[in-house]
């Protein structure tokens, strides 16, 4: 997986609207650790498998492929 710049948008009310992270359209897989070393969660990997977005099962972050 190659690293490219990401646009990060944080929700105004994180409890109701989880963070949305936009990734390049060519991205096939993303990893999520909750974003904070002490308060995060185990590192997990998600594949898009043809979908436009995936959501983390721990923190509900949404990774969206840019079009």
PDB file of N, CA and C in Angstrom:
ATOM      1  N   UNK A   1       0.848  -1.162   0.000  1.00  0.00           N
ATOM      2  CA  UNK A   1       0.000   0.000   0.000  1.00  0.00           C
ATOM      3  C   UNK A   1       0.896   1.227   0.000  1.00  0.00           C
ATOM      4  N   UNK A   2       0.661   2.145  -0.927  1.00  0.00           N
ATOM      5  CA  UNK A   2       1.473   3.345  -0.999  1.00  0.00           C
ATOM      6  C   UNK A   2       0.829   4.459  -0.201  1.00  0.00           C
ATOM      7  N   UNK A   3       1.669   5.352   0.295  1.00  0.00           N
ATOM      8  CA  UNK A   3       1.180   6.451   1.121  1.00  0.00           C
ATOM      9  C   UNK A   3       1.023   7.694   0.268  1.00  0.00           C
ATOM     10  N   UNK A   4      -0.163   8.284   0.290  1.00  0.00           N
ATOM     11  CA  UNK A   4      -0.428   9.539  -0.392  1.00  0.00           C
ATOM     12  C   UNK A   4      -1.093  10.458   0.606  1.00  0.00           C
ATOM     13  N   UNK A   5      -1.117  11.760   0.297  1.00  0.00           N
ATOM     14  CA  UNK A   5      -1.742  12.684   1.233  1.00  0.00           C
ATOM     15  C   UNK A   5      -3.232  12.400   1.345  1.00  0.00           C
ATOM     16  N   UNK A   6      -3.747  12.522   2.556  1.00  0.00           N
ATOM     17  CA  UNK A   6      -5.151  12.260   2.828  1.00  0.00           C
ATOM     18  C   UNK A   6      -5.825  13.532   3.298  1.00  0.00           C
ATOM     19  N   UNK A   7      -7.069  13.719   2.919  1.00  0.00           N
ATOM     20  CA  UNK A   7      -7.869  14.811   3.453  1.00  0.00           C
ATOM     21  C   UNK A   7      -8.656  14.259   4.621  1.00  0.00           C
ATOM     22  N   UNK A   8      -8.531  14.892   5.761  1.00  0.00           N
ATOM     23  CA  UNK A   8      -9.228  14.413   6.946  1.00  0.00           C
ATOM     24  C   UNK A   8     -10.269  15.447   7.353  1.00  0.00           C
ATOM     25  N   UNK A   9     -11.497  14.986   7.513  1.00  0.00           N
ATOM     26  CA  UNK A   9     -12.579  15.844   7.952  1.00  0.00           C
ATOM     27  C   UNK A   9     -13.100  15.293   9.270  1.00  0.00           C
ATOM     28  N   UNK A  10     -13.064  16.107  10.309  1.00  0.00           N
ATOM     29  CA  UNK A  10     -13.560  15.668  11.606  1.00  0.00           C
ATOM     30  C   UNK A  10     -14.985  16.152  11.779  1.00  0.00           C
ATOM     31  N   UNK A  11     -15.851  15.286  12.230  1.00  0.00           N
ATOM     32  CA  UNK A  11     -17.253  15.622  12.429  1.00  0.00           C
ATOM     33  C   UNK A  11     -17.415  16.629  13.562  1.00  0.00           C
ATOM     34  N   UNK A  12     -18.451  17.458  13.487  1.00  0.00           N
ATOM     35  CA  UNK A  12     -18.726  18.446  14.532  1.00  0.00           C
ATOM     36  C   UNK A  12     -19.162  17.760  15.821  1.00  0.00           C
ATOM     37  N   UNK A  13     -19.911  16.685  15.725  1.00  0.00           N
ATOM     38  CA  UNK A  13     -20.361  15.914  16.879  1.00  0.00           C
ATOM     39  C   UNK A  13     -19.871  14.485  16.698  1.00  0.00           C
ATOM     40  N   UNK A  14     -18.628  14.185  17.109  1.00  0.00           N
ATOM     41  CA  UNK A  14     -18.048  12.873  16.849  1.00  0.00           C
ATOM     42  C   UNK A  14     -18.887  11.696  17.344  1.00  0.00           C
ATOM     43  N   UNK A  15     -19.613  11.859  18.435  1.00  0.00           N
ATOM     44  CA  UNK A  15     -20.415  10.747  18.948  1.00  0.00           C
ATOM     45  C   UNK A  15     -21.524  10.370  17.968  1.00  0.00           C
ATOM     46  N   UNK A  16     -22.057  11.356  17.260  1.00  0.00           N
ATOM     47  CA  UNK A  16     -23.142  11.106  16.312  1.00  0.00           C
ATOM     48  C   UNK A  16     -22.653  10.967  14.879  1.00  0.00           C
ATOM     49  N   UNK A  17     -21.520  11.564  14.571  1.00  0.00           N
ATOM     50  CA  UNK A  17     -20.986  11.577  13.211  1.00  0.00           C
ATOM     51  C   UNK A  17     -19.505  11.236  13.250  1.00  0.00           C
ATOM     52  N   UNK A  18     -19.149   9.984  13.017  1.00  0.00           N
ATOM     53  CA  UNK A  18     -17.737   9.608  13.081  1.00  0.00           C
ATOM     54  C   UNK A  18     -16.889  10.307  12.016  1.00  0.00           C
ATOM     55  N   UNK A  19     -15.602  10.269  12.236  1.00  0.00           N
ATOM     56  CA  UNK A  19     -14.629  10.882  11.329  1.00  0.00           C
ATOM     57  C   UNK A  19     -14.706  10.256   9.943  1.00  0.00           C
ATOM     58  N   UNK A  20     -14.563  11.094   8.910  1.00  0.00           N
ATOM     59  CA  UNK A  20     -14.535  10.631   7.526  1.00  0.00           C
ATOM     60  C   UNK A  20     -13.146  10.906   6.979  1.00  0.00           C
ATOM     61  N   UNK A  21     -12.520   9.884   6.440  1.00  0.00           N
ATOM     62  CA  UNK A  21     -11.181  10.015   5.869  1.00  0.00           C
ATOM     63  C   UNK A  21     -11.272   9.690   4.388  1.00  0.00           C
ATOM     64  N   UNK A  22     -10.870  10.644   3.550  1.00  0.00           N
ATOM     65  CA  UNK A  22     -10.905  10.441   2.103  1.00  0.00           C
ATOM     66  C   UNK A  22      -9.560   9.895   1.645  1.00  0.00           C
ATOM     67  N   UNK A  23      -9.610   8.843   0.832  1.00  0.00           N
ATOM     68  CA  UNK A  23      -8.401   8.210   0.321  1.00  0.00           C
ATOM     69  C   UNK A  23      -8.444   8.221  -1.201  1.00  0.00           C
ATOM     70  N   UNK A  24      -7.303   8.091  -1.868  1.00  0.00           N
ATOM     71  CA  UNK A  24      -7.292   8.062  -3.327  1.00  0.00           C
ATOM     72  C   UNK A  24      -8.170   6.937  -3.871  1.00  0.00           C
ATOM     73  N   UNK A  25      -8.767   7.164  -5.022  1.00  0.00           N
ATOM     74  CA  UNK A  25      -9.675   6.188  -5.639  1.00  0.00           C
ATOM     75  C   UNK A  25      -8.993   4.851  -5.912  1.00  0.00           C
ATOM     76  N   UNK A  26      -7.695   4.871  -6.127  1.00  0.00           N
ATOM     77  CA  UNK A  26      -6.961   3.644  -6.451  1.00  0.00           C
ATOM     78  C   UNK A  26      -6.654   2.790  -5.216  1.00  0.00           C
ATOM     79  N   UNK A  27      -6.992   3.274  -4.025  1.00  0.00           N
ATOM     80  CA  UNK A  27      -6.709   2.549  -2.784  1.00  0.00           C
ATOM     81  C   UNK A  27      -7.560   1.292  -2.690  1.00  0.00           C
ATOM     82  N   UNK A  28      -6.931   0.159  -2.382  1.00  0.00           N
ATOM     83  CA  UNK A  28      -7.643  -1.111  -2.239  1.00  0.00           C
ATOM     84  C   UNK A  28      -7.833  -1.500  -0.779  1.00  0.00           C
ATOM     85  N   UNK A  29      -6.938  -1.003   0.101  1.00  0.00           N
ATOM     86  CA  UNK A  29      -6.949  -1.431   1.499  1.00  0.00           C
ATOM     87  C   UNK A  29      -6.566  -0.255   2.393  1.00  0.00           C
ATOM     88  N   UNK A  30      -7.169  -0.177   3.575  1.00  0.00           N
ATOM     89  CA  UNK A  30      -6.814   0.839   4.566  1.00  0.00           C
ATOM     90  C   UNK A  30      -6.594   0.160   5.909  1.00  0.00           C
ATOM     91  N   UNK A  31      -5.909   0.856   6.812  1.00  0.00           N
ATOM     92  CA  UNK A  31      -5.679   0.352   8.165  1.00  0.00           C
ATOM     93  C   UNK A  31      -6.177   1.413   9.145  1.00  0.00           C
ATOM     94  N   UNK A  32      -6.718   0.968  10.273  1.00  0.00           N
ATOM     95  CA  UNK A  32      -7.207   1.890  11.290  1.00  0.00           C
ATOM     96  C   UNK A  32      -6.762   1.407  12.665  1.00  0.00           C
ATOM     97  N   UNK A  33      -6.282   2.362  13.486  1.00  0.00           N
ATOM     98  CA  UNK A  33      -5.893   2.039  14.862  1.00  0.00           C
ATOM     99  C   UNK A  33      -6.574   2.978  15.856  1.00  0.00           C
ATOM    100  N   UNK A  34      -7.583   3.689  15.399  1.00  0.00           N
ATOM    101  CA  UNK A  34      -8.304   4.617  16.259  1.00  0.00           C
ATOM    102  C   UNK A  34      -7.718   6.007  16.297  1.00  0.00           C
ATOM    103  N   UNK A  35      -6.505   6.171  15.787  1.00  0.00           N
ATOM    104  CA  UNK A  35      -5.903   7.487  15.662  1.00  0.00           C
ATOM    105  C   UNK A  35      -5.219   8.049  16.882  1.00  0.00           C
ATOM    106  N   UNK A  36      -5.189   7.326  17.979  1.00  0.00           N
ATOM    107  CA  UNK A  36      -4.539   7.841  19.182  1.00  0.00           C
ATOM    108  C   UNK A  36      -3.870   6.672  19.900  1.00  0.00           C
ATOM    109  N   UNK A  37      -2.569   6.762  20.150  1.00  0.00           N
ATOM    110  CA  UNK A  37      -1.845   5.627  20.731  1.00  0.00           C
ATOM    111  C   UNK A  37      -2.430   5.106  22.049  1.00  0.00           C
ATOM    112  N   UNK A  38      -2.776   5.987  22.960  1.00  0.00           N
ATOM    113  CA  UNK A  38      -3.259   5.538  24.268  1.00  0.00           C
ATOM    114  C   UNK A  38      -4.747   5.197  24.273  1.00  0.00           C
ATOM    115  N   UNK A  39      -5.515   5.864  23.418  1.00  0.00           N
ATOM    116  CA  UNK A  39      -6.964   5.674  23.427  1.00  0.00           C
ATOM    117  C   UNK A  39      -7.486   4.959  22.182  1.00  0.00           C
ATOM    118  N   UNK A  40      -6.599   4.450  21.375  1.00  0.00           N
ATOM    119  CA  UNK A  40      -6.989   3.805  20.126  1.00  0.00           C
ATOM    120  C   UNK A  40      -7.520   2.397  20.333  1.00  0.00           C
ATOM    121  N   UNK A  41      -7.413   1.589  19.295  1.00  0.00           N
ATOM    122  CA  UNK A  41      -7.857   0.201  19.330  1.00  0.00           C
ATOM    123  C   UNK A  41      -6.864  -0.639  18.540  1.00  0.00           C
ATOM    124  N   UNK A  42      -6.995  -1.947  18.528  1.00  0.00           N
ATOM    125  CA  UNK A  42      -6.052  -2.779  17.766  1.00  0.00           C
ATOM    126  C   UNK A  42      -6.026  -2.381  16.290  1.00  0.00           C
ATOM    127  N   UNK A  43      -4.869  -2.462  15.695  1.00  0.00           N
ATOM    128  CA  UNK A  43      -4.720  -2.151  14.281  1.00  0.00           C
ATOM    129  C   UNK A  43      -5.522  -3.149  13.467  1.00  0.00           C
ATOM    130  N   UNK A  44      -6.417  -2.647  12.635  1.00  0.00           N
ATOM    131  CA  UNK A  44      -7.250  -3.500  11.792  1.00  0.00           C
ATOM    132  C   UNK A  44      -7.141  -3.034  10.351  1.00  0.00           C
ATOM    133  N   UNK A  45      -7.259  -3.978   9.428  1.00  0.00           N
ATOM    134  CA  UNK A  45      -7.170  -3.698   8.002  1.00  0.00           C
ATOM    135  C   UNK A  45      -8.512  -3.969   7.353  1.00  0.00           C
ATOM    136  N   UNK A  46      -8.869  -3.119   6.394  1.00  0.00           N
ATOM    137  CA  UNK A  46     -10.130  -3.267   5.673  1.00  0.00           C
ATOM    138  C   UNK A  46      -9.868  -3.162   4.184  1.00  0.00           C
ATOM    139  N   UNK A  47     -10.552  -4.001   3.399  1.00  0.00           N
ATOM    140  CA  UNK A  47     -10.463  -3.974   1.939  1.00  0.00           C
ATOM    141  C   UNK A  47     -11.749  -3.386   1.387  1.00  0.00           C
ATOM    142  N   UNK A  48     -11.639  -2.614   0.307  1.00  0.00           N
ATOM    143  CA  UNK A  48     -12.813  -2.005  -0.300  1.00  0.00           C
ATOM    144  C   UNK A  48     -13.636  -3.030  -1.092  1.00  0.00           C
ATOM    145  N   UNK A  49     -12.996  -3.987  -1.728  1.00  0.00           N
ATOM    146  CA  UNK A  49     -13.693  -5.028  -2.488  1.00  0.00           C
ATOM    147  C   UNK A  49     -14.819  -4.469  -3.352  1.00  0.00           C
ATOM    148  N   UNK A  50     -14.525  -3.394  -4.090  1.00  0.00           N
ATOM    149  CA  UNK A  50     -15.490  -2.813  -5.020  1.00  0.00           C
ATOM    150  C   UNK A  50     -16.417  -1.776  -4.404  1.00  0.00           C
ATOM    151  N   UNK A  51     -16.421  -1.621  -3.084  1.00  0.00           N
ATOM    152  CA  UNK A  51     -17.289  -0.634  -2.426  1.00  0.00           C
ATOM    153  C   UNK A  51     -16.660   0.751  -2.502  1.00  0.00           C
ATOM    154  N   UNK A  52     -17.478   1.789  -2.328  1.00  0.00           N
ATOM    155  CA  UNK A  52     -16.979   3.166  -2.332  1.00  0.00           C
ATOM    156  C   UNK A  52     -16.445   3.588  -0.970  1.00  0.00           C
ATOM    157  N   UNK A  53     -16.838   2.859   0.097  1.00  0.00           N
ATOM    158  CA  UNK A  53     -16.363   3.191   1.435  1.00  0.00           C
ATOM    159  C   UNK A  53     -16.348   1.941   2.320  1.00  0.00           C
ATOM    160  N   UNK A  54     -15.559   2.023   3.394  1.00  0.00           N
ATOM    161  CA  UNK A  54     -15.553   0.991   4.437  1.00  0.00           C
ATOM    162  C   UNK A  54     -15.598   1.703   5.783  1.00  0.00           C
ATOM    163  N   UNK A  55     -16.155   1.042   6.783  1.00  0.00           N
ATOM    164  CA  UNK A  55     -16.227   1.609   8.121  1.00  0.00           C
ATOM    165  C   UNK A  55     -15.476   0.717   9.092  1.00  0.00           C
ATOM    166  N   UNK A  56     -14.753   1.350  10.014  1.00  0.00           N
ATOM    167  CA  UNK A  56     -14.030   0.614  11.038  1.00  0.00           C
ATOM    168  C   UNK A  56     -15.030   0.013  12.022  1.00  0.00           C
ATOM    169  N   UNK A  57     -14.853  -1.237  12.345  1.00  0.00           N
ATOM    170  CA  UNK A  57     -15.732  -1.924  13.278  1.00  0.00           C
ATOM    171  C   UNK A  57     -15.535  -1.505  14.721  1.00  0.00           C
ATOM    172  N   UNK A  58     -14.433  -0.836  15.029  1.00  0.00           N
ATOM    173  CA  UNK A  58     -14.163  -0.384  16.392  1.00  0.00           C
ATOM    174  C   UNK A  58     -14.630   1.056  16.625  1.00  0.00           C
ATOM    175  N   UNK A  59     -14.162   1.979  15.781  1.00  0.00           N
ATOM    176  CA  UNK A  59     -14.402   3.399  16.049  1.00  0.00           C
ATOM    177  C   UNK A  59     -15.354   4.060  15.061  1.00  0.00           C
ATOM    178  N   UNK A  60     -15.868   3.307  14.098  1.00  0.00           N
ATOM    179  CA  UNK A  60     -16.826   3.804  13.105  1.00  0.00           C
ATOM    180  C   UNK A  60     -16.263   4.855  12.153  1.00  0.00           C
ATOM    181  N   UNK A  61     -14.937   5.022  12.129  1.00  0.00           N
ATOM    182  CA  UNK A  61     -14.365   5.908  11.103  1.00  0.00           C
ATOM    183  C   UNK A  61     -14.795   5.377   9.760  1.00  0.00           C
ATOM    184  N   UNK A  62     -15.062   6.297   8.843  1.00  0.00           N
ATOM    185  CA  UNK A  62     -15.441   5.907   7.486  1.00  0.00           C
ATOM    186  C   UNK A  62     -14.330   6.322   6.534  1.00  0.00           C
ATOM    187  N   UNK A  63     -13.840   5.360   5.772  1.00  0.00           N
ATOM    188  CA  UNK A  63     -12.819   5.612   4.748  1.00  0.00           C
ATOM    189  C   UNK A  63     -13.540   5.632   3.410  1.00  0.00           C
ATOM    190  N   UNK A  64     -13.471   6.768   2.719  1.00  0.00           N
ATOM    191  CA  UNK A  64     -14.206   6.966   1.474  1.00  0.00           C
ATOM    192  C   UNK A  64     -13.213   7.158   0.337  1.00  0.00           C
ATOM    193  N   UNK A  65     -13.457   6.430  -0.759  1.00  0.00           N
ATOM    194  CA  UNK A  65     -12.610   6.605  -1.951  1.00  0.00           C
ATOM    195  C   UNK A  65     -13.052   7.858  -2.704  1.00  0.00           C
ATOM    196  N   UNK A  66     -12.082   8.737  -2.991  1.00  0.00           N
ATOM    197  CA  UNK A  66     -12.354   9.944  -3.779  1.00  0.00           C
ATOM    198  C   UNK A  66     -12.668   9.562  -5.207  1.00  0.00           C
ATOM    199  N   UNK A  67     -13.527  10.332  -5.822  1.00  0.00           N
ATOM    200  CA  UNK A  67     -13.838  10.118  -7.253  1.00  0.00           C
ATOM    201  C   UNK A  67     -13.418  11.307  -8.059  1.00  0.00           C
TER     202      UNK A  67
END
